[in-house]
Amino acid sequence: MPFSAVTIGNFDGVHVGHQAMLARLRAAAKAHALSPCVLTFEPHPRELFAPGQAPTRLTSLREKLEALATYGVERTHIARFTRAFASLPAEAFVERVLVGTLAARWVLVGGDFRFGARRAGDVALLRQLGAHHGFAVEVMPEVLHANARVASSAVRDALLAGDLKTAGVLLGRSYTISGRVVHGDKLGRKLGFATANIPLRHNRAPFTGIFAVRLHGAGFEGGGVRNGVASLGVRPTVKAAGAAPLLEVHVFDFDGELYGRHVRVEFLHKIRDEEKFPDLDTLKQKIAGDCEAARKILLEMGNG
């Protein structure tokens, strides 16, 4: 097993703060001839201990792994976060995971890093244990935007507010959701607006509404990107309360089949909130207006 430079975290969203950590990880790994490695957890610890209060995920596990690879991580170790894992004393976590499993020789963490049962371990203890086991510890400075720390929670807040511009700044890219297109109830086709239906990996959406979007990776003729309008939410006009959220994308000027394809939806602008309409005719009229608005927005953004 190669010796590793390791950074630890949930890395939800892989935002610009995470990207700065990954850049520092790669630089240190190169300087010390180590393999850059990320240690992350599945599920999120709060999903285990307080599922009703756990933050909405910005990325699925697959999306997170793809993003980490994009930013130069050679190896991602996923620690299955169970109650047994959470009960490991701080010293055992270091000995079994960092040293025994990852062969760490250099470790990068944030200043508020805690580890071990009851979060008993801190940076000072990590440095003591590192000196004993033969790895160095570095603390990553905070990355700021508008005088505030860049964090996954700030991205969630921007998305909930419909502020895709700020979310994009914090992420260093547009916010996206990816998944496989599945068969739906074909209502959109009946209304004249066929949709690609993409179920969410989790039962909560990071935001809801109607959006101007671009669809990537579907293998369209003449290029892999198409413009469209998307609905993300529980479809209150046609579904009863408590329905699972669904991402539906109407792709402009396209009448082919996308079933079974893995696609990525890039959210560029929020048009409006989700609404419940009195009947399908009203819904159809509103969708037509959303399509017109999305085409205009995308054209103005240079994506016409």
C-alpha atoms as a PDB file:
ATOM      1  CA  MET A   1       0.000   0.000   0.000  1.00  0.00           C
ATOM      2  CA  PRO A   2       1.454   3.418  -0.949  1.00  0.00           C
ATOM      3  CA  PHE A   3       1.914   5.981   1.783  1.00  0.00           C
ATOM      4  CA  SER A   4      -0.761   8.683   1.620  1.00  0.00           C
ATOM      5  CA  ALA A   5      -1.421  12.361   2.079  1.00  0.00           C
ATOM      6  CA  VAL A   6      -4.947  12.433   3.536  1.00  0.00           C
ATOM      7  CA  THR A   7      -7.650  15.016   4.036  1.00  0.00           C
ATOM      8  CA  ILE A   8     -10.845  14.226   5.941  1.00  0.00           C
ATOM      9  CA  GLY A   9     -14.396  15.468   5.581  1.00  0.00           C
ATOM     10  CA  ASN A  10     -17.888  15.020   4.180  1.00  0.00           C
ATOM     11  CA  PHE A  11     -17.119  17.139   1.095  1.00  0.00           C
ATOM     12  CA  ASP A  12     -20.803  17.641   0.289  1.00  0.00           C
ATOM     13  CA  GLY A  13     -20.987  19.773  -2.838  1.00  0.00           C
ATOM     14  CA  VAL A  14     -17.179  19.907  -3.280  1.00  0.00           C
ATOM     15  CA  HIS A  15     -17.355  23.714  -3.118  1.00  0.00           C
ATOM     16  CA  VAL A  16     -14.476  26.185  -3.521  1.00  0.00           C
ATOM     17  CA  GLY A  17     -13.403  25.693   0.106  1.00  0.00           C
ATOM     18  CA  HIS A  18     -13.134  21.964  -0.512  1.00  0.00           C
ATOM     19  CA  GLN A  19     -11.348  22.643  -3.791  1.00  0.00           C
ATOM     20  CA  ALA A  20      -8.737  24.717  -1.962  1.00  0.00           C
ATOM     21  CA  MET A  21      -8.176  21.801   0.439  1.00  0.00           C
ATOM     22  CA  LEU A  22      -7.809  19.395  -2.472  1.00  0.00           C
ATOM     23  CA  ALA A  23      -5.306  21.704  -4.173  1.00  0.00           C
ATOM     24  CA  ARG A  24      -3.241  21.828  -0.976  1.00  0.00           C
ATOM     25  CA  LEU A  25      -3.542  18.045  -0.667  1.00  0.00           C
ATOM     26  CA  ARG A  26      -2.236  17.511  -4.196  1.00  0.00           C
ATOM     27  CA  ALA A  27       0.657  19.917  -3.654  1.00  0.00           C
ATOM     28  CA  ALA A  28       1.710  18.249  -0.405  1.00  0.00           C
ATOM     29  CA  ALA A  29       1.365  14.789  -1.890  1.00  0.00           C
ATOM     30  CA  LYS A  30       3.610  15.764  -4.783  1.00  0.00           C
ATOM     31  CA  ALA A  31       6.165  17.422  -2.497  1.00  0.00           C
ATOM     32  CA  HIS A  32       6.391  14.363  -0.238  1.00  0.00           C
ATOM     33  CA  ALA A  33       5.975  11.691  -2.954  1.00  0.00           C
ATOM     34  CA  LEU A  34       2.688  10.485  -1.439  1.00  0.00           C
ATOM     35  CA  SER A  35      -0.629   9.374  -2.906  1.00  0.00           C
ATOM     36  CA  PRO A  36      -3.397  11.995  -2.448  1.00  0.00           C
ATOM     37  CA  CYS A  37      -6.353  10.445  -0.623  1.00  0.00           C
ATOM     38  CA  VAL A  38      -9.693  11.712   0.686  1.00  0.00           C
ATOM     39  CA  LEU A  39     -11.376  10.077   3.659  1.00  0.00           C
ATOM     40  CA  THR A  40     -15.110  10.661   3.615  1.00  0.00           C
ATOM     41  CA  PHE A  41     -18.155   9.108   5.272  1.00  0.00           C
ATOM     42  CA  GLU A  42     -21.365   7.425   4.152  1.00  0.00           C
ATOM     43  CA  PRO A  43     -23.941   8.203   5.323  1.00  0.00           C
ATOM     44  CA  HIS A  44     -23.467  11.698   6.731  1.00  0.00           C
ATOM     45  CA  PRO A  45     -23.078  11.303  10.530  1.00  0.00           C
ATOM     46  CA  ARG A  46     -26.190  13.364  11.217  1.00  0.00           C
ATOM     47  CA  GLU A  47     -28.216  11.079   8.952  1.00  0.00           C
ATOM     48  CA  LEU A  48     -27.385   8.281  11.377  1.00  0.00           C
ATOM     49  CA  PHE A  49     -27.962  10.067  14.676  1.00  0.00           C
ATOM     50  CA  ALA A  50     -30.629  12.654  13.779  1.00  0.00           C
ATOM     51  CA  PRO A  51     -32.115  11.819  10.367  1.00  0.00           C
ATOM     52  CA  GLY A  52     -34.903  14.360  10.757  1.00  0.00           C
ATOM     53  CA  GLN A  53     -32.387  17.143  11.350  1.00  0.00           C
ATOM     54  CA  ALA A  54     -29.715  16.051   8.865  1.00  0.00           C
ATOM     55  CA  PRO A  55     -28.816  18.596   6.180  1.00  0.00           C
ATOM     56  CA  THR A  56     -30.148  18.078   2.680  1.00  0.00           C
ATOM     57  CA  ARG A  57     -27.424  16.586   0.508  1.00  0.00           C
ATOM     58  CA  LEU A  58     -26.018  18.752  -2.260  1.00  0.00           C
ATOM     59  CA  THR A  59     -24.487  15.761  -4.022  1.00  0.00           C
ATOM     60  CA  SER A  60     -25.156  12.056  -4.180  1.00  0.00           C
ATOM     61  CA  LEU A  61     -22.260   9.741  -3.356  1.00  0.00           C
ATOM     62  CA  ARG A  62     -21.640   9.165  -7.072  1.00  0.00           C
ATOM     63  CA  GLU A  63     -21.622  12.901  -7.794  1.00  0.00           C
ATOM     64  CA  LYS A  64     -19.217  13.522  -4.928  1.00  0.00           C
ATOM     65  CA  LEU A  65     -16.815  10.825  -6.093  1.00  0.00           C
ATOM     66  CA  GLU A  66     -16.895  12.167  -9.653  1.00  0.00           C
ATOM     67  CA  ALA A  67     -16.182  15.703  -8.421  1.00  0.00           C
ATOM     68  CA  LEU A  68     -13.304  14.563  -6.207  1.00  0.00           C
ATOM     69  CA  ALA A  69     -11.738  12.737  -9.150  1.00  0.00           C
ATOM     70  CA  THR A  70     -12.142  15.861 -11.286  1.00  0.00           C
ATOM     71  CA  TYR A  71     -10.114  17.816  -8.736  1.00  0.00           C
ATOM     72  CA  GLY A  72      -7.218  15.359  -8.773  1.00  0.00           C
ATOM     73  CA  VAL A  73      -7.948  12.896  -5.968  1.00  0.00           C
ATOM     74  CA  GLU A  74      -6.356   9.563  -6.839  1.00  0.00           C
ATOM     75  CA  ARG A  75      -8.121   7.616  -4.111  1.00  0.00           C
ATOM     76  CA  THR A  76     -11.246   8.186  -2.033  1.00  0.00           C
ATOM     77  CA  HIS A  77     -11.782   5.952   0.983  1.00  0.00           C
ATOM     78  CA  ILE A  78     -15.427   5.761   2.057  1.00  0.00           C
ATOM     79  CA  ALA A  79     -15.812   4.930   5.728  1.00  0.00           C
ATOM     80  CA  ARG A  80     -19.193   3.337   6.378  1.00  0.00           C
ATOM     81  CA  PHE A  81     -20.526   5.481   9.217  1.00  0.00           C
ATOM     82  CA  THR A  82     -22.245   3.121  11.638  1.00  0.00           C
ATOM     83  CA  ARG A  83     -22.803   3.308  15.375  1.00  0.00           C
ATOM     84  CA  ALA A  84     -19.867   0.951  15.839  1.00  0.00           C
ATOM     85  CA  PHE A  85     -17.644   3.229  13.767  1.00  0.00           C
ATOM     86  CA  ALA A  86     -18.884   6.299  15.647  1.00  0.00           C
ATOM     87  CA  SER A  87     -17.991   4.648  18.956  1.00  0.00           C
ATOM     88  CA  LEU A  88     -14.309   4.251  18.073  1.00  0.00           C
ATOM     89  CA  PRO A  89     -12.132   6.157  20.545  1.00  0.00           C
ATOM     90  CA  ALA A  90     -10.054   8.907  18.961  1.00  0.00           C
ATOM     91  CA  GLU A  91      -6.844   6.916  19.366  1.00  0.00           C
ATOM     92  CA  ALA A  92      -8.389   3.847  17.721  1.00  0.00           C
ATOM     93  CA  PHE A  93      -9.667   5.927  14.796  1.00  0.00           C
ATOM     94  CA  VAL A  94      -6.155   7.168  14.123  1.00  0.00           C
ATOM     95  CA  GLU A  95      -4.496   3.777  14.584  1.00  0.00           C
ATOM     96  CA  ARG A  96      -7.013   1.708  12.602  1.00  0.00           C
ATOM     97  CA  VAL A  97      -8.128   4.096   9.880  1.00  0.00           C
ATOM     98  CA  LEU A  98      -5.474   6.751   9.277  1.00  0.00           C
ATOM     99  CA  VAL A  99      -2.458   4.537   9.935  1.00  0.00           C
ATOM    100  CA  GLY A 100      -3.674   0.971   9.434  1.00  0.00           C
ATOM    101  CA  THR A 101      -5.963   1.460   6.432  1.00  0.00           C
ATOM    102  CA  LEU A 102      -4.665   4.599   4.718  1.00  0.00           C
ATOM    103  CA  ALA A 103      -0.959   4.540   5.640  1.00  0.00           C
ATOM    104  CA  ALA A 104      -1.107   8.277   6.277  1.00  0.00           C
ATOM    105  CA  ARG A 105       2.130  10.239   6.414  1.00  0.00           C
ATOM    106  CA  TRP A 106       0.574  13.727   6.079  1.00  0.00           C
ATOM    107  CA  VAL A 107      -2.923  14.788   7.190  1.00  0.00           C
ATOM    108  CA  LEU A 108      -4.831  17.974   6.335  1.00  0.00           C
ATOM    109  CA  VAL A 109      -7.864  19.050   8.407  1.00  0.00           C
ATOM    110  CA  GLY A 110      -9.877  22.158   9.171  1.00  0.00           C
ATOM    111  CA  GLY A 111      -9.342  24.110  12.364  1.00  0.00           C
ATOM    112  CA  ASP A 112     -12.612  22.836  13.878  1.00  0.00           C
ATOM    113  CA  PHE A 113     -11.885  19.183  13.092  1.00  0.00           C
ATOM    114  CA  ARG A 114     -13.154  16.695  15.688  1.00  0.00           C
ATOM    115  CA  PHE A 115     -12.889  12.921  15.636  1.00  0.00           C
ATOM    116  CA  GLY A 116     -13.508   9.790  17.672  1.00  0.00           C
ATOM    117  CA  ALA A 117     -16.315   8.809  20.004  1.00  0.00           C
ATOM    118  CA  ARG A 118     -18.293  11.818  21.277  1.00  0.00           C
ATOM    119  CA  ARG A 119     -16.035  13.998  19.082  1.00  0.00           C
ATOM    120  CA  ALA A 120     -13.433  13.821  21.841  1.00  0.00           C
ATOM    121  CA  GLY A 121     -10.431  14.292  19.548  1.00  0.00           C
ATOM    122  CA  ASP A 122      -9.292  17.686  18.314  1.00  0.00           C
ATOM    123  CA  VAL A 123      -6.384  19.064  16.287  1.00  0.00           C
ATOM    124  CA  ALA A 124      -4.061  19.118  19.294  1.00  0.00           C
ATOM    125  CA  LEU A 125      -4.674  15.416  19.983  1.00  0.00           C
ATOM    126  CA  LEU A 126      -4.307  14.599  16.280  1.00  0.00           C
ATOM    127  CA  ARG A 127      -0.890  16.247  16.282  1.00  0.00           C
ATOM    128  CA  GLN A 128       0.154  14.275  19.363  1.00  0.00           C
ATOM    129  CA  LEU A 129      -0.952  11.020  17.780  1.00  0.00           C
ATOM    130  CA  GLY A 130       0.677  12.003  14.501  1.00  0.00           C
ATOM    131  CA  ALA A 131       4.010  12.497  16.218  1.00  0.00           C
ATOM    132  CA  HIS A 132       3.659   9.015  17.711  1.00  0.00           C
ATOM    133  CA  HIS A 133       2.574   7.270  14.501  1.00  0.00           C
ATOM    134  CA  GLY A 134       4.794   9.165  12.075  1.00  0.00           C
ATOM    135  CA  PHE A 135       2.500  11.546  10.195  1.00  0.00           C
ATOM    136  CA  ALA A 136       2.475  15.337  10.012  1.00  0.00           C
ATOM    137  CA  VAL A 137      -0.672  17.410  10.545  1.00  0.00           C
ATOM    138  CA  GLU A 138      -1.534  20.664   8.788  1.00  0.00           C
ATOM    139  CA  VAL A 139      -4.552  22.899   9.437  1.00  0.00           C
ATOM    140  CA  MET A 140      -6.240  24.437   6.400  1.00  0.00           C
ATOM    141  CA  PRO A 141      -7.027  28.154   6.649  1.00  0.00           C
ATOM    142  CA  GLU A 142     -10.660  29.144   6.107  1.00  0.00           C
ATOM    143  CA  VAL A 143     -11.743  30.110   2.600  1.00  0.00           C
ATOM    144  CA  LEU A 144     -13.950  33.216   2.675  1.00  0.00           C
ATOM    145  CA  HIS A 145     -16.566  34.738   0.403  1.00  0.00           C
ATOM    146  CA  ALA A 146     -18.108  38.110   1.288  1.00  0.00           C
ATOM    147  CA  ASN A 147     -16.318  37.920   4.660  1.00  0.00           C
ATOM    148  CA  ALA A 148     -18.021  34.621   5.520  1.00  0.00           C
ATOM    149  CA  ARG A 149     -16.631  31.097   5.589  1.00  0.00           C
ATOM    150  CA  VAL A 150     -17.435  29.069   2.505  1.00  0.00           C
ATOM    151  CA  ALA A 151     -19.426  26.051   3.682  1.00  0.00           C
ATOM    152  CA  SER A 152     -21.919  23.539   2.352  1.00  0.00           C
ATOM    153  CA  SER A 153     -24.580  25.197   4.524  1.00  0.00           C
ATOM    154  CA  ALA A 154     -24.004  28.500   2.703  1.00  0.00           C
ATOM    155  CA  VAL A 155     -24.549  26.755  -0.638  1.00  0.00           C
ATOM    156  CA  ARG A 156     -27.794  25.247   0.681  1.00  0.00           C
ATOM    157  CA  ASP A 157     -28.968  28.648   1.892  1.00  0.00           C
ATOM    158  CA  ALA A 158     -28.284  30.214  -1.521  1.00  0.00           C
ATOM    159  CA  LEU A 159     -30.137  27.433  -3.329  1.00  0.00           C
ATOM    160  CA  LEU A 160     -33.136  27.693  -1.010  1.00  0.00           C
ATOM    161  CA  ALA A 161     -33.256  31.436  -1.667  1.00  0.00           C
ATOM    162  CA  GLY A 162     -33.215  30.791  -5.426  1.00  0.00           C
ATOM    163  CA  ASP A 163     -29.884  32.615  -5.655  1.00  0.00           C
ATOM    164  CA  LEU A 164     -28.176  30.372  -8.199  1.00  0.00           C
ATOM    165  CA  LYS A 165     -25.551  33.026  -8.914  1.00  0.00           C
ATOM    166  CA  THR A 166     -24.231  32.994  -5.349  1.00  0.00           C
ATOM    167  CA  ALA A 167     -24.473  29.212  -5.205  1.00  0.00           C
ATOM    168  CA  GLY A 168     -22.395  29.056  -8.385  1.00  0.00           C
ATOM    169  CA  VAL A 169     -19.752  31.352  -6.907  1.00  0.00           C
ATOM    170  CA  LEU A 170     -19.497  29.195  -3.777  1.00  0.00           C
ATOM    171  CA  LEU A 171     -19.344  25.998  -5.830  1.00  0.00           C
ATOM    172  CA  GLY A 172     -17.010  27.363  -8.490  1.00  0.00           C
ATOM    173  CA  ARG A 173     -19.480  26.037 -11.094  1.00  0.00           C
ATOM    174  CA  SER A 174     -23.215  25.838 -11.728  1.00  0.00           C
ATOM    175  CA  TYR A 175     -25.191  23.604  -9.412  1.00  0.00           C
ATOM    176  CA  THR A 176     -26.100  20.278 -11.020  1.00  0.00           C
ATOM    177  CA  ILE A 177     -28.068  17.130 -10.266  1.00  0.00           C
ATOM    178  CA  SER A 178     -27.370  13.917 -12.137  1.00  0.00           C
ATOM    179  CA  GLY A 179     -29.241  10.655 -12.442  1.00  0.00           C
ATOM    180  CA  ARG A 180     -30.744   8.077 -14.747  1.00  0.00           C
ATOM    181  CA  VAL A 181     -33.850   8.863 -16.790  1.00  0.00           C
ATOM    182  CA  VAL A 182     -36.801   6.640 -15.869  1.00  0.00           C
ATOM    183  CA  HIS A 183     -40.333   6.151 -17.148  1.00  0.00           C
ATOM    184  CA  GLY A 184     -42.954   8.399 -15.572  1.00  0.00           C
ATOM    185  CA  ASP A 185     -46.722   8.701 -15.814  1.00  0.00           C
ATOM    186  CA  LYS A 186     -46.433  10.343 -19.275  1.00  0.00           C
ATOM    187  CA  LEU A 187     -48.549  13.319 -18.175  1.00  0.00           C
ATOM    188  CA  GLY A 188     -46.084  15.813 -19.631  1.00  0.00           C
ATOM    189  CA  ARG A 189     -46.329  14.123 -23.018  1.00  0.00           C
ATOM    190  CA  LYS A 190     -50.142  14.301 -22.858  1.00  0.00           C
ATOM    191  CA  LEU A 191     -49.906  18.026 -22.127  1.00  0.00           C
ATOM    192  CA  GLY A 192     -47.550  18.555 -25.064  1.00  0.00           C
ATOM    193  CA  PHE A 193     -44.379  18.921 -22.969  1.00  0.00           C
ATOM    194  CA  ALA A 194     -42.642  15.554 -22.733  1.00  0.00           C
ATOM    195  CA  THR A 195     -40.148  15.333 -19.879  1.00  0.00           C
ATOM    196  CA  ALA A 196     -37.095  13.341 -18.880  1.00  0.00           C
ATOM    197  CA  ASN A 197     -37.845  12.113 -15.354  1.00  0.00           C
ATOM    198  CA  ILE A 198     -34.909  11.819 -12.948  1.00  0.00           C
ATOM    199  CA  PRO A 199     -35.652  10.472  -9.457  1.00  0.00           C
ATOM    200  CA  LEU A 200     -33.585  11.922  -6.632  1.00  0.00           C
ATOM    201  CA  ARG A 201     -31.199   9.664  -4.732  1.00  0.00           C
ATOM    202  CA  HIS A 202     -32.689  10.911  -1.460  1.00  0.00           C
ATOM    203  CA  ASN A 203     -36.214  11.899  -0.465  1.00  0.00           C
ATOM    204  CA  ARG A 204     -35.367  15.550   0.067  1.00  0.00           C
ATOM    205  CA  ALA A 205     -34.530  18.130  -2.565  1.00  0.00           C
ATOM    206  CA  PRO A 206     -31.999  20.927  -1.882  1.00  0.00           C
ATOM    207  CA  PHE A 207     -34.481  23.371  -3.389  1.00  0.00           C
ATOM    208  CA  THR A 208     -37.708  23.368  -5.401  1.00  0.00           C
ATOM    209  CA  GLY A 209     -39.205  25.337  -8.245  1.00  0.00           C
ATOM    210  CA  ILE A 210     -39.115  25.841 -12.000  1.00  0.00           C
ATOM    211  CA  PHE A 211     -35.738  26.512 -13.620  1.00  0.00           C
ATOM    212  CA  ALA A 212     -33.989  27.316 -16.877  1.00  0.00           C
ATOM    213  CA  VAL A 213     -31.491  24.487 -17.331  1.00  0.00           C
ATOM    214  CA  ARG A 214     -29.072  22.724 -19.635  1.00  0.00           C
ATOM    215  CA  LEU A 215     -29.058  18.938 -19.967  1.00  0.00           C
ATOM    216  CA  HIS A 216     -25.664  17.237 -20.367  1.00  0.00           C
ATOM    217  CA  GLY A 217     -24.492  13.779 -21.272  1.00  0.00           C
ATOM    218  CA  ALA A 218     -27.531  12.453 -23.089  1.00  0.00           C
ATOM    219  CA  GLY A 219     -25.761  11.751 -26.387  1.00  0.00           C
ATOM    220  CA  PHE A 220     -27.770  14.243 -28.435  1.00  0.00           C
ATOM    221  CA  GLU A 221     -26.935  14.484 -32.116  1.00  0.00           C
ATOM    222  CA  GLY A 222     -24.672  17.433 -32.839  1.00  0.00           C
ATOM    223  CA  GLY A 223     -23.422  17.758 -29.268  1.00  0.00           C
ATOM    224  CA  GLY A 224     -23.982  16.634 -25.715  1.00  0.00           C
ATOM    225  CA  VAL A 225     -25.820  19.681 -24.318  1.00  0.00           C
ATOM    226  CA  ARG A 226     -29.405  20.843 -24.805  1.00  0.00           C
ATOM    227  CA  ASN A 227     -31.418  23.686 -23.299  1.00  0.00           C
ATOM    228  CA  GLY A 228     -34.614  23.109 -21.403  1.00  0.00           C
ATOM    229  CA  VAL A 229     -36.899  23.937 -18.521  1.00  0.00           C
ATOM    230  CA  ALA A 230     -37.026  21.840 -15.360  1.00  0.00           C
ATOM    231  CA  SER A 231     -39.429  21.278 -12.511  1.00  0.00           C
ATOM    232  CA  LEU A 232     -37.988  20.074  -9.231  1.00  0.00           C
ATOM    233  CA  GLY A 233     -40.490  19.291  -6.511  1.00  0.00           C
ATOM    234  CA  VAL A 234     -43.552  17.297  -5.517  1.00  0.00           C
ATOM    235  CA  ARG A 235     -45.911  18.318  -8.418  1.00  0.00           C
ATOM    236  CA  PRO A 236     -48.780  19.550  -6.204  1.00  0.00           C
ATOM    237  CA  THR A 237     -51.263  19.910  -9.075  1.00  0.00           C
ATOM    238  CA  VAL A 238     -51.175  16.191  -9.933  1.00  0.00           C
ATOM    239  CA  LYS A 239     -49.855  14.474  -6.795  1.00  0.00           C
ATOM    240  CA  ALA A 240     -51.202  14.118  -3.283  1.00  0.00           C
ATOM    241  CA  ALA A 241     -49.436  15.653  -0.301  1.00  0.00           C
ATOM    242  CA  GLY A 242     -46.375  13.693   0.769  1.00  0.00           C
ATOM    243  CA  ALA A 243     -45.289  12.659  -2.731  1.00  0.00           C
ATOM    244  CA  ALA A 244     -41.587  12.074  -3.284  1.00  0.00           C
ATOM    245  CA  PRO A 245     -39.800  14.906  -5.111  1.00  0.00           C
ATOM    246  CA  LEU A 246     -38.945  14.387  -8.765  1.00  0.00           C
ATOM    247  CA  LEU A 247     -36.765  16.245 -11.255  1.00  0.00           C
ATOM    248  CA  GLU A 248     -38.512  16.625 -14.627  1.00  0.00           C
ATOM    249  CA  VAL A 249     -36.780  18.235 -17.626  1.00  0.00           C
ATOM    250  CA  HIS A 250     -38.509  19.309 -20.832  1.00  0.00           C
ATOM    251  CA  VAL A 251     -35.787  19.466 -23.479  1.00  0.00           C
ATOM    252  CA  PHE A 252     -36.380  22.082 -26.143  1.00  0.00           C
ATOM    253  CA  ASP A 253     -36.666  20.992 -29.788  1.00  0.00           C
ATOM    254  CA  PHE A 254     -36.144  17.305 -29.036  1.00  0.00           C
ATOM    255  CA  ASP A 255     -38.509  14.382 -29.512  1.00  0.00           C
ATOM    256  CA  GLY A 256     -36.167  11.411 -29.029  1.00  0.00           C
ATOM    257  CA  GLU A 257     -35.973   8.872 -26.216  1.00  0.00           C
ATOM    258  CA  LEU A 258     -33.710   9.306 -23.167  1.00  0.00           C
ATOM    259  CA  TYR A 259     -34.894   6.402 -21.017  1.00  0.00           C
ATOM    260  CA  GLY A 260     -32.066   4.631 -19.219  1.00  0.00           C
ATOM    261  CA  ARG A 261     -29.464   7.299 -19.972  1.00  0.00           C
ATOM    262  CA  HIS A 262     -27.422   8.939 -17.240  1.00  0.00           C
ATOM    263  CA  VAL A 263     -27.743  12.706 -17.534  1.00  0.00           C
ATOM    264  CA  ARG A 264     -26.649  15.810 -15.652  1.00  0.00           C
ATOM    265  CA  VAL A 265     -28.974  18.799 -15.199  1.00  0.00           C
ATOM    266  CA  GLU A 266     -27.271  22.194 -14.896  1.00  0.00           C
ATOM    267  CA  PHE A 267     -29.435  24.775 -13.101  1.00  0.00           C
ATOM    268  CA  LEU A 268     -28.898  28.279 -14.472  1.00  0.00           C
ATOM    269  CA  HIS A 269     -31.825  30.437 -13.317  1.00  0.00           C
ATOM    270  CA  LYS A 270     -34.901  30.071 -11.139  1.00  0.00           C
ATOM    271  CA  ILE A 271     -38.087  31.132 -12.913  1.00  0.00           C
ATOM    272  CA  ARG A 272     -40.646  30.698 -10.140  1.00  0.00           C
ATOM    273  CA  ASP A 273     -41.708  28.617  -7.158  1.00  0.00           C
ATOM    274  CA  GLU A 274     -43.746  25.449  -7.478  1.00  0.00           C
ATOM    275  CA  GLU A 275     -47.501  26.101  -7.513  1.00  0.00           C
ATOM    276  CA  LYS A 276     -50.739  24.139  -7.317  1.00  0.00           C
ATOM    277  CA  PHE A 277     -53.141  24.931 -10.152  1.00  0.00           C
ATOM    278  CA  PRO A 278     -56.909  24.288 -10.265  1.00  0.00           C
ATOM    279  CA  ASP A 279     -56.815  22.098 -13.382  1.00  0.00           C
ATOM    280  CA  LEU A 280     -54.556  20.643 -16.092  1.00  0.00           C
ATOM    281  CA  ASP A 281     -55.445  23.333 -18.642  1.00  0.00           C
ATOM    282  CA  THR A 282     -54.126  26.013 -16.305  1.00  0.00           C
ATOM    283  CA  LEU A 283     -51.011  23.924 -15.656  1.00  0.00           C
ATOM    284  CA  LYS A 284     -50.474  23.530 -19.426  1.00  0.00           C
ATOM    285  CA  GLN A 285     -50.710  27.288 -19.964  1.00  0.00           C
ATOM    286  CA  LYS A 286     -48.229  27.905 -17.154  1.00  0.00           C
ATOM    287  CA  ILE A 287     -45.758  25.374 -18.567  1.00  0.00           C
ATOM    288  CA  ALA A 288     -45.934  27.120 -21.939  1.00  0.00           C
ATOM    289  CA  GLY A 289     -45.100  30.392 -20.220  1.00  0.00           C
ATOM    290  CA  ASP A 290     -42.235  28.755 -18.328  1.00  0.00           C
ATOM    291  CA  CYS A 291     -40.795  27.439 -21.591  1.00  0.00           C
ATOM    292  CA  GLU A 292     -40.947  30.897 -23.147  1.00  0.00           C
ATOM    293  CA  ALA A 293     -39.314  32.443 -20.086  1.00  0.00           C
ATOM    294  CA  ALA A 294     -36.568  29.802 -20.013  1.00  0.00           C
ATOM    295  CA  ARG A 295     -35.748  30.266 -23.705  1.00  0.00           C
ATOM    296  CA  LYS A 296     -35.431  34.029 -23.193  1.00  0.00           C
ATOM    297  CA  ILE A 297     -33.287  33.654 -20.069  1.00  0.00           C
ATOM    298  CA  LEU A 298     -30.955  31.137 -21.685  1.00  0.00           C
ATOM    299  CA  LEU A 299     -30.582  33.323 -24.775  1.00  0.00           C
ATOM    300  CA  GLU A 300     -29.714  36.327 -22.609  1.00  0.00           C
ATOM    301  CA  MET A 301     -27.146  34.202 -20.742  1.00  0.00           C
ATOM    302  CA  GLY A 302     -25.496  33.223 -24.012  1.00  0.00           C
ATOM    303  CA  ASN A 303     -26.891  29.699 -24.063  1.00  0.00           C
ATOM    304  CA  GLY A 304     -29.516  30.189 -26.771  1.00  0.00           C
END
